[in-house]
């Protein structure tokens, strides 16, 4: 029996690994106030350089846009 999974165009899949990688990058990377450079973060996470760069760019966009995107309860809408 085949199982097909359909996604809407532009939808992204969030995995447990990506959530863990984001937490490590935010905590340990020099870009976000940590003490490790990219090569050490790559060794710690066990993922590729392109993954580190794309997650860092996504986190940078979220931190820059967070003050502009706020709902009525004063919470950030950028996850």
C-alpha atoms as a PDB file:
ATOM      1  CA  UNK A   1       0.000   0.000   0.000  1.00  0.00           C
ATOM      2  CA  UNK A   2       1.413   3.364  -0.984  1.00  0.00           C
ATOM      3  CA  UNK A   3       1.183   6.420   1.197  1.00  0.00           C
ATOM      4  CA  UNK A   4       1.297   9.787  -0.520  1.00  0.00           C
ATOM      5  CA  UNK A   5       1.846  13.052   1.286  1.00  0.00           C
ATOM      6  CA  UNK A   6       0.714  16.229  -0.442  1.00  0.00           C
ATOM      7  CA  UNK A   7       1.936  19.720   0.391  1.00  0.00           C
ATOM      8  CA  UNK A   8       0.572  23.053  -0.695  1.00  0.00           C
ATOM      9  CA  UNK A   9       2.827  25.081  -2.953  1.00  0.00           C
ATOM     10  CA  UNK A  10       5.216  27.111  -0.786  1.00  0.00           C
ATOM     11  CA  UNK A  11       4.582  25.037   2.342  1.00  0.00           C
ATOM     12  CA  UNK A  12       7.585  24.066   4.409  1.00  0.00           C
ATOM     13  CA  UNK A  13       8.158  20.961   6.458  1.00  0.00           C
ATOM     14  CA  UNK A  14       9.506  21.500   9.971  1.00  0.00           C
ATOM     15  CA  UNK A  15      11.375  18.554  11.436  1.00  0.00           C
ATOM     16  CA  UNK A  16      12.643  17.856  14.927  1.00  0.00           C
ATOM     17  CA  UNK A  17      16.213  18.028  13.595  1.00  0.00           C
ATOM     18  CA  UNK A  18      15.726  21.543  12.217  1.00  0.00           C
ATOM     19  CA  UNK A  19      14.282  22.750  15.519  1.00  0.00           C
ATOM     20  CA  UNK A  20      17.288  21.307  17.370  1.00  0.00           C
ATOM     21  CA  UNK A  21      19.713  22.874  14.888  1.00  0.00           C
ATOM     22  CA  UNK A  22      18.077  26.295  15.263  1.00  0.00           C
ATOM     23  CA  UNK A  23      18.389  26.109  19.046  1.00  0.00           C
ATOM     24  CA  UNK A  24      22.077  25.161  18.855  1.00  0.00           C
ATOM     25  CA  UNK A  25      22.834  27.892  16.320  1.00  0.00           C
ATOM     26  CA  UNK A  26      21.059  30.584  18.358  1.00  0.00           C
ATOM     27  CA  UNK A  27      22.863  29.535  21.526  1.00  0.00           C
ATOM     28  CA  UNK A  28      26.386  28.808  20.245  1.00  0.00           C
ATOM     29  CA  UNK A  29      27.013  30.809  17.045  1.00  0.00           C
ATOM     30  CA  UNK A  30      29.071  34.008  17.124  1.00  0.00           C
ATOM     31  CA  UNK A  31      26.435  35.642  14.906  1.00  0.00           C
ATOM     32  CA  UNK A  32      23.992  35.452  17.808  1.00  0.00           C
ATOM     33  CA  UNK A  33      26.318  36.192  20.734  1.00  0.00           C
ATOM     34  CA  UNK A  34      27.795  32.716  21.241  1.00  0.00           C
ATOM     35  CA  UNK A  35      31.429  31.678  21.334  1.00  0.00           C
ATOM     36  CA  UNK A  36      31.713  29.294  18.346  1.00  0.00           C
ATOM     37  CA  UNK A  37      32.385  30.108  14.712  1.00  0.00           C
ATOM     38  CA  UNK A  38      30.585  28.408  11.811  1.00  0.00           C
ATOM     39  CA  UNK A  39      32.986  25.470  11.463  1.00  0.00           C
ATOM     40  CA  UNK A  40      32.635  24.548  15.122  1.00  0.00           C
ATOM     41  CA  UNK A  41      28.844  24.885  14.971  1.00  0.00           C
ATOM     42  CA  UNK A  42      28.842  22.587  11.915  1.00  0.00           C
ATOM     43  CA  UNK A  43      30.776  19.960  13.883  1.00  0.00           C
ATOM     44  CA  UNK A  44      28.473  20.355  16.884  1.00  0.00           C
ATOM     45  CA  UNK A  45      25.242  20.100  14.867  1.00  0.00           C
ATOM     46  CA  UNK A  46      26.443  17.479  12.444  1.00  0.00           C
ATOM     47  CA  UNK A  47      24.923  19.246   9.448  1.00  0.00           C
ATOM     48  CA  UNK A  48      26.261  20.911   6.317  1.00  0.00           C
ATOM     49  CA  UNK A  49      27.532  24.457   5.860  1.00  0.00           C
ATOM     50  CA  UNK A  50      24.614  25.317   3.565  1.00  0.00           C
ATOM     51  CA  UNK A  51      22.172  24.267   6.289  1.00  0.00           C
ATOM     52  CA  UNK A  52      23.927  26.472   8.860  1.00  0.00           C
ATOM     53  CA  UNK A  53      23.893  29.441   6.484  1.00  0.00           C
ATOM     54  CA  UNK A  54      20.214  29.057   5.543  1.00  0.00           C
ATOM     55  CA  UNK A  55      19.123  28.668   9.177  1.00  0.00           C
ATOM     56  CA  UNK A  56      21.234  31.677  10.196  1.00  0.00           C
ATOM     57  CA  UNK A  57      19.718  33.797   7.422  1.00  0.00           C
ATOM     58  CA  UNK A  58      16.226  32.723   8.456  1.00  0.00           C
ATOM     59  CA  UNK A  59      16.941  33.571  12.095  1.00  0.00           C
ATOM     60  CA  UNK A  60      18.424  36.949  11.103  1.00  0.00           C
ATOM     61  CA  UNK A  61      15.312  37.784   9.091  1.00  0.00           C
ATOM     62  CA  UNK A  62      13.098  36.822  12.029  1.00  0.00           C
ATOM     63  CA  UNK A  63      15.066  38.938  14.506  1.00  0.00           C
ATOM     64  CA  UNK A  64      15.065  41.950  12.171  1.00  0.00           C
ATOM     65  CA  UNK A  65      11.367  41.742  11.278  1.00  0.00           C
ATOM     66  CA  UNK A  66      10.098  40.838  14.767  1.00  0.00           C
ATOM     67  CA  UNK A  67       9.649  44.407  16.064  1.00  0.00           C
ATOM     68  CA  UNK A  68       7.640  45.381  12.971  1.00  0.00           C
ATOM     69  CA  UNK A  69       5.366  42.319  13.036  1.00  0.00           C
ATOM     70  CA  UNK A  70       3.448  42.380  16.290  1.00  0.00           C
ATOM     71  CA  UNK A  71      -0.078  41.382  17.133  1.00  0.00           C
ATOM     72  CA  UNK A  72      -2.397  43.036  19.637  1.00  0.00           C
ATOM     73  CA  UNK A  73      -0.974  41.067  22.561  1.00  0.00           C
ATOM     74  CA  UNK A  74       2.526  42.422  21.827  1.00  0.00           C
ATOM     75  CA  UNK A  75       3.949  39.044  20.783  1.00  0.00           C
ATOM     76  CA  UNK A  76       6.177  38.496  17.807  1.00  0.00           C
ATOM     77  CA  UNK A  77       4.627  36.696  14.822  1.00  0.00           C
ATOM     78  CA  UNK A  78       7.945  35.498  13.401  1.00  0.00           C
ATOM     79  CA  UNK A  79       8.723  31.920  14.473  1.00  0.00           C
END
